[in-house]
Amino acid sequence: MKKLFVTLATVAAYLFISIFTGWWAVTWIIWVFYFVYIVYLVYQDHQ
C-alpha cells in the first residue's frame, strides 16, 4: 500500500510541476528519485 501511495504522489507531483510550470524537460528528475526509492525498497525487502 505504501508503494501505491508513493507512486500516486510521484505522478501527481510530476503532473503538477509539468503542467503548471511547463518544465517538461526538467521533471525527469522526479522519476530518477522515484526509481532510486523503489530500488531501495526492493533491496530492503530482499534482506
Protein backbone atom coordinates (compact mmCIF):
# COMPACT_ATOMS: atom_id res chain seq x y z
CA MET A 1 0.00 0.00 0.00
CA LYS A 2 2.90 2.32 0.76
CA LYS A 3 4.31 1.79 -2.73
CA LEU A 4 0.95 2.67 -4.27
CA PHE A 5 0.75 5.91 -2.29
CA VAL A 6 4.31 6.88 -3.24
CA THR A 7 3.60 6.10 -6.89
CA LEU A 8 0.45 8.22 -6.91
CA ALA A 9 2.24 11.07 -5.13
CA THR A 10 5.06 10.91 -7.67
CA VAL A 11 2.65 11.01 -10.59
CA ALA A 12 0.74 13.91 -9.02
CA ALA A 13 3.96 15.87 -8.41
CA TYR A 14 5.13 15.18 -11.95
CA LEU A 15 1.87 16.33 -13.50
CA PHE A 16 1.58 19.37 -11.25
CA ILE A 17 5.10 20.59 -11.98
CA SER A 18 4.92 19.75 -15.68
CA ILE A 19 1.53 21.28 -16.41
CA PHE A 20 1.66 24.38 -14.23
CA THR A 21 5.30 25.33 -14.82
CA GLY A 22 5.93 23.90 -18.27
CA TRP A 23 9.17 22.31 -17.12
CA TRP A 24 8.67 19.07 -19.02
CA ALA A 25 12.39 18.75 -19.71
CA VAL A 26 13.35 19.06 -16.03
CA THR A 27 10.75 16.82 -14.43
CA TRP A 28 12.58 13.64 -15.41
CA ILE A 29 14.50 14.22 -12.16
CA ILE A 30 11.32 13.23 -10.26
CA TRP A 31 11.37 9.83 -11.96
CA VAL A 32 15.07 9.37 -11.09
CA PHE A 33 14.31 9.92 -7.40
CA TYR A 34 11.31 7.60 -7.65
CA PHE A 35 13.46 4.90 -9.27
CA VAL A 36 16.08 5.17 -6.53
CA TYR A 37 13.35 4.92 -3.89
CA ILE A 38 11.82 1.79 -5.45
CA VAL A 39 15.22 0.15 -5.80
CA TYR A 40 15.86 0.91 -2.13
CA LEU A 41 12.53 -0.69 -1.13
CA VAL A 42 13.21 -3.79 -3.21
CA TYR A 43 16.69 -4.08 -1.69
CA GLN A 44 15.19 -3.86 1.82
CA ASP A 45 12.57 -6.49 1.03
CA HIS A 46 15.23 -8.99 -0.02
CA GLN A 47 17.34 -8.68 3.11
